[in-house]
Amino acid sequence: MKIADRVHAGKVHINEQTVSDEANAPFGGVGASGTGSRFGGATANIEAFTEGQWLTVRPDIAPYPF
Protein backbone atom coordinates (compact mmCIF):
# COMPACT_ATOMS: atom_id res chain seq x y z
CA MET A 1 0.00 0.00 0.00
CA LYS A 2 3.02 2.28 0.09
CA ILE A 3 2.70 2.72 -3.67
CA ALA A 4 -0.91 3.91 -3.30
CA ASP A 5 0.31 6.79 -1.14
CA ARG A 6 2.80 7.79 -3.84
CA VAL A 7 0.41 7.53 -6.81
CA HIS A 8 -1.44 10.79 -7.48
CA ALA A 9 -4.69 9.13 -8.56
CA GLY A 10 -8.23 8.88 -7.29
CA LYS A 11 -8.54 5.11 -7.70
CA VAL A 12 -5.80 2.52 -7.23
CA HIS A 13 -6.23 -1.23 -7.72
CA ILE A 14 -3.59 -3.67 -6.49
CA ASN A 15 -3.93 -7.26 -7.76
CA GLU A 16 -7.64 -6.72 -8.45
CA GLN A 17 -9.70 -6.05 -11.56
CA THR A 18 -11.95 -3.00 -11.88
CA VAL A 19 -15.18 -5.00 -12.28
CA SER A 20 -15.74 -4.77 -8.51
CA ASP A 21 -15.89 -0.96 -8.57
CA GLU A 22 -18.87 0.79 -7.05
CA ALA A 23 -20.16 2.94 -9.90
CA ASN A 24 -21.92 5.39 -7.59
CA ALA A 25 -18.88 6.11 -5.41
CA PRO A 26 -18.17 9.85 -5.43
CA PHE A 27 -15.23 10.74 -7.63
CA GLY A 28 -14.53 14.13 -9.15
CA GLY A 29 -10.93 13.90 -10.22
CA VAL A 30 -7.62 14.56 -8.49
CA GLY A 31 -5.69 17.81 -8.65
CA ALA A 32 -6.65 19.93 -11.66
CA SER A 33 -8.48 17.08 -13.42
CA GLY A 34 -12.25 17.11 -13.12
CA THR A 35 -14.60 19.38 -11.21
CA GLY A 36 -17.23 16.93 -10.02
CA SER A 37 -16.27 17.20 -6.35
CA ARG A 38 -16.25 20.99 -6.39
CA PHE A 39 -19.99 21.45 -7.01
CA GLY A 40 -23.06 20.18 -5.19
CA GLY A 41 -23.98 22.59 -2.41
CA ALA A 42 -23.18 22.40 1.28
CA THR A 43 -22.60 18.65 1.21
CA ALA A 44 -19.78 19.12 -1.30
CA ASN A 45 -17.82 21.67 0.74
CA ILE A 46 -15.55 19.04 2.30
CA GLU A 47 -14.91 17.47 -1.09
CA ALA A 48 -14.00 20.88 -2.51
CA PHE A 49 -10.95 21.08 -0.25
CA THR A 50 -9.98 17.42 0.05
CA GLU A 51 -9.14 14.58 -2.30
CA GLY A 52 -10.44 11.06 -1.88
CA GLN A 53 -8.61 7.97 -2.99
CA TRP A 54 -10.20 4.59 -3.77
CA LEU A 55 -7.87 1.73 -2.86
CA THR A 56 -8.59 -1.90 -3.78
CA VAL A 57 -6.24 -4.55 -2.41
CA ARG A 58 -6.38 -8.26 -3.06
CA PRO A 59 -3.79 -10.20 -1.03
CA ASP A 60 -3.31 -12.85 -3.71
CA ILE A 61 -3.24 -12.90 -7.50
CA ALA A 62 -6.72 -13.03 -9.05
CA PRO A 63 -7.59 -16.38 -10.66
CA TYR A 64 -7.97 -16.39 -14.42
CA PRO A 65 -10.54 -16.23 -15.88
CA PHE A 66 -12.21 -14.00 -13.30
C-alpha atoms as a PDB file:
ATOM      1  CA  MET A   1       0.000   0.000   0.000  1.00  0.00           C
ATOM      2  CA  LYS A   2       3.023   2.278   0.092  1.00  0.00           C
ATOM      3  CA  ILE A   3       2.703   2.719  -3.669  1.00  0.00           C
ATOM      4  CA  ALA A   4      -0.912   3.910  -3.302  1.00  0.00           C
ATOM      5  CA  ASP A   5       0.315   6.786  -1.138  1.00  0.00           C
ATOM      6  CA  ARG A   6       2.797   7.789  -3.839  1.00  0.00           C
ATOM      7  CA  VAL A   7       0.410   7.534  -6.810  1.00  0.00           C
ATOM      8  CA  HIS A   8      -1.437  10.792  -7.484  1.00  0.00           C
ATOM      9  CA  ALA A   9      -4.691   9.132  -8.557  1.00  0.00           C
ATOM     10  CA  GLY A  10      -8.234   8.878  -7.289  1.00  0.00           C
ATOM     11  CA  LYS A  11      -8.536   5.110  -7.702  1.00  0.00           C
ATOM     12  CA  VAL A  12      -5.801   2.524  -7.226  1.00  0.00           C
ATOM     13  CA  HIS A  13      -6.234  -1.233  -7.724  1.00  0.00           C
ATOM     14  CA  ILE A  14      -3.586  -3.671  -6.490  1.00  0.00           C
ATOM     15  CA  ASN A  15      -3.934  -7.262  -7.763  1.00  0.00           C
ATOM     16  CA  GLU A  16      -7.641  -6.717  -8.447  1.00  0.00           C
ATOM     17  CA  GLN A  17      -9.698  -6.045 -11.564  1.00  0.00           C
ATOM     18  CA  THR A  18     -11.953  -3.004 -11.884  1.00  0.00           C
ATOM     19  CA  VAL A  19     -15.185  -4.998 -12.276  1.00  0.00           C
ATOM     20  CA  SER A  20     -15.739  -4.773  -8.507  1.00  0.00           C
ATOM     21  CA  ASP A  21     -15.891  -0.959  -8.571  1.00  0.00           C
ATOM     22  CA  GLU A  22     -18.872   0.789  -7.053  1.00  0.00           C
ATOM     23  CA  ALA A  23     -20.156   2.944  -9.896  1.00  0.00           C
ATOM     24  CA  ASN A  24     -21.920   5.392  -7.593  1.00  0.00           C
ATOM     25  CA  ALA A  25     -18.877   6.107  -5.407  1.00  0.00           C
ATOM     26  CA  PRO A  26     -18.173   9.855  -5.430  1.00  0.00           C
ATOM     27  CA  PHE A  27     -15.230  10.742  -7.633  1.00  0.00           C
ATOM     28  CA  GLY A  28     -14.533  14.130  -9.150  1.00  0.00           C
ATOM     29  CA  GLY A  29     -10.928  13.899 -10.220  1.00  0.00           C
ATOM     30  CA  VAL A  30      -7.624  14.563  -8.493  1.00  0.00           C
ATOM     31  CA  GLY A  31      -5.689  17.812  -8.646  1.00  0.00           C
ATOM     32  CA  ALA A  32      -6.651  19.934 -11.657  1.00  0.00           C
ATOM     33  CA  SER A  33      -8.483  17.084 -13.416  1.00  0.00           C
ATOM     34  CA  GLY A  34     -12.249  17.109 -13.124  1.00  0.00           C
ATOM     35  CA  THR A  35     -14.600  19.376 -11.211  1.00  0.00           C
ATOM     36  CA  GLY A  36     -17.229  16.929 -10.017  1.00  0.00           C
ATOM     37  CA  SER A  37     -16.274  17.197  -6.354  1.00  0.00           C
ATOM     38  CA  ARG A  38     -16.254  20.986  -6.389  1.00  0.00           C
ATOM     39  CA  PHE A  39     -19.987  21.451  -7.007  1.00  0.00           C
ATOM     40  CA  GLY A  40     -23.056  20.178  -5.195  1.00  0.00           C
ATOM     41  CA  GLY A  41     -23.984  22.594  -2.412  1.00  0.00           C
ATOM     42  CA  ALA A  42     -23.179  22.405   1.283  1.00  0.00           C
ATOM     43  CA  THR A  43     -22.600  18.650   1.212  1.00  0.00           C
ATOM     44  CA  ALA A  44     -19.776  19.118  -1.302  1.00  0.00           C
ATOM     45  CA  ASN A  45     -17.816  21.672   0.741  1.00  0.00           C
ATOM     46  CA  ILE A  46     -15.546  19.044   2.301  1.00  0.00           C
ATOM     47  CA  GLU A  47     -14.913  17.467  -1.088  1.00  0.00           C
ATOM     48  CA  ALA A  48     -13.995  20.882  -2.508  1.00  0.00           C
ATOM     49  CA  PHE A  49     -10.954  21.083  -0.253  1.00  0.00           C
ATOM     50  CA  THR A  50      -9.976  17.417   0.049  1.00  0.00           C
ATOM     51  CA  GLU A  51      -9.137  14.579  -2.296  1.00  0.00           C
ATOM     52  CA  GLY A  52     -10.444  11.064  -1.880  1.00  0.00           C
ATOM     53  CA  GLN A  53      -8.608   7.966  -2.991  1.00  0.00           C
ATOM     54  CA  TRP A  54     -10.199   4.594  -3.768  1.00  0.00           C
ATOM     55  CA  LEU A  55      -7.874   1.725  -2.860  1.00  0.00           C
ATOM     56  CA  THR A  56      -8.591  -1.896  -3.784  1.00  0.00           C
ATOM     57  CA  VAL A  57      -6.239  -4.548  -2.405  1.00  0.00           C
ATOM     58  CA  ARG A  58      -6.376  -8.265  -3.059  1.00  0.00           C
ATOM     59  CA  PRO A  59      -3.787 -10.196  -1.027  1.00  0.00           C
ATOM     60  CA  ASP A  60      -3.312 -12.847  -3.707  1.00  0.00           C
ATOM     61  CA  ILE A  61      -3.239 -12.901  -7.497  1.00  0.00           C
ATOM     62  CA  ALA A  62      -6.722 -13.026  -9.053  1.00  0.00           C
ATOM     63  CA  PRO A  63      -7.590 -16.376 -10.655  1.00  0.00           C
ATOM     64  CA  TYR A  64      -7.973 -16.390 -14.423  1.00  0.00           C
ATOM     65  CA  PRO A  65     -10.540 -16.226 -15.885  1.00  0.00           C
ATOM     66  CA  PHE A  66     -12.211 -13.996 -13.304  1.00  0.00           C
END
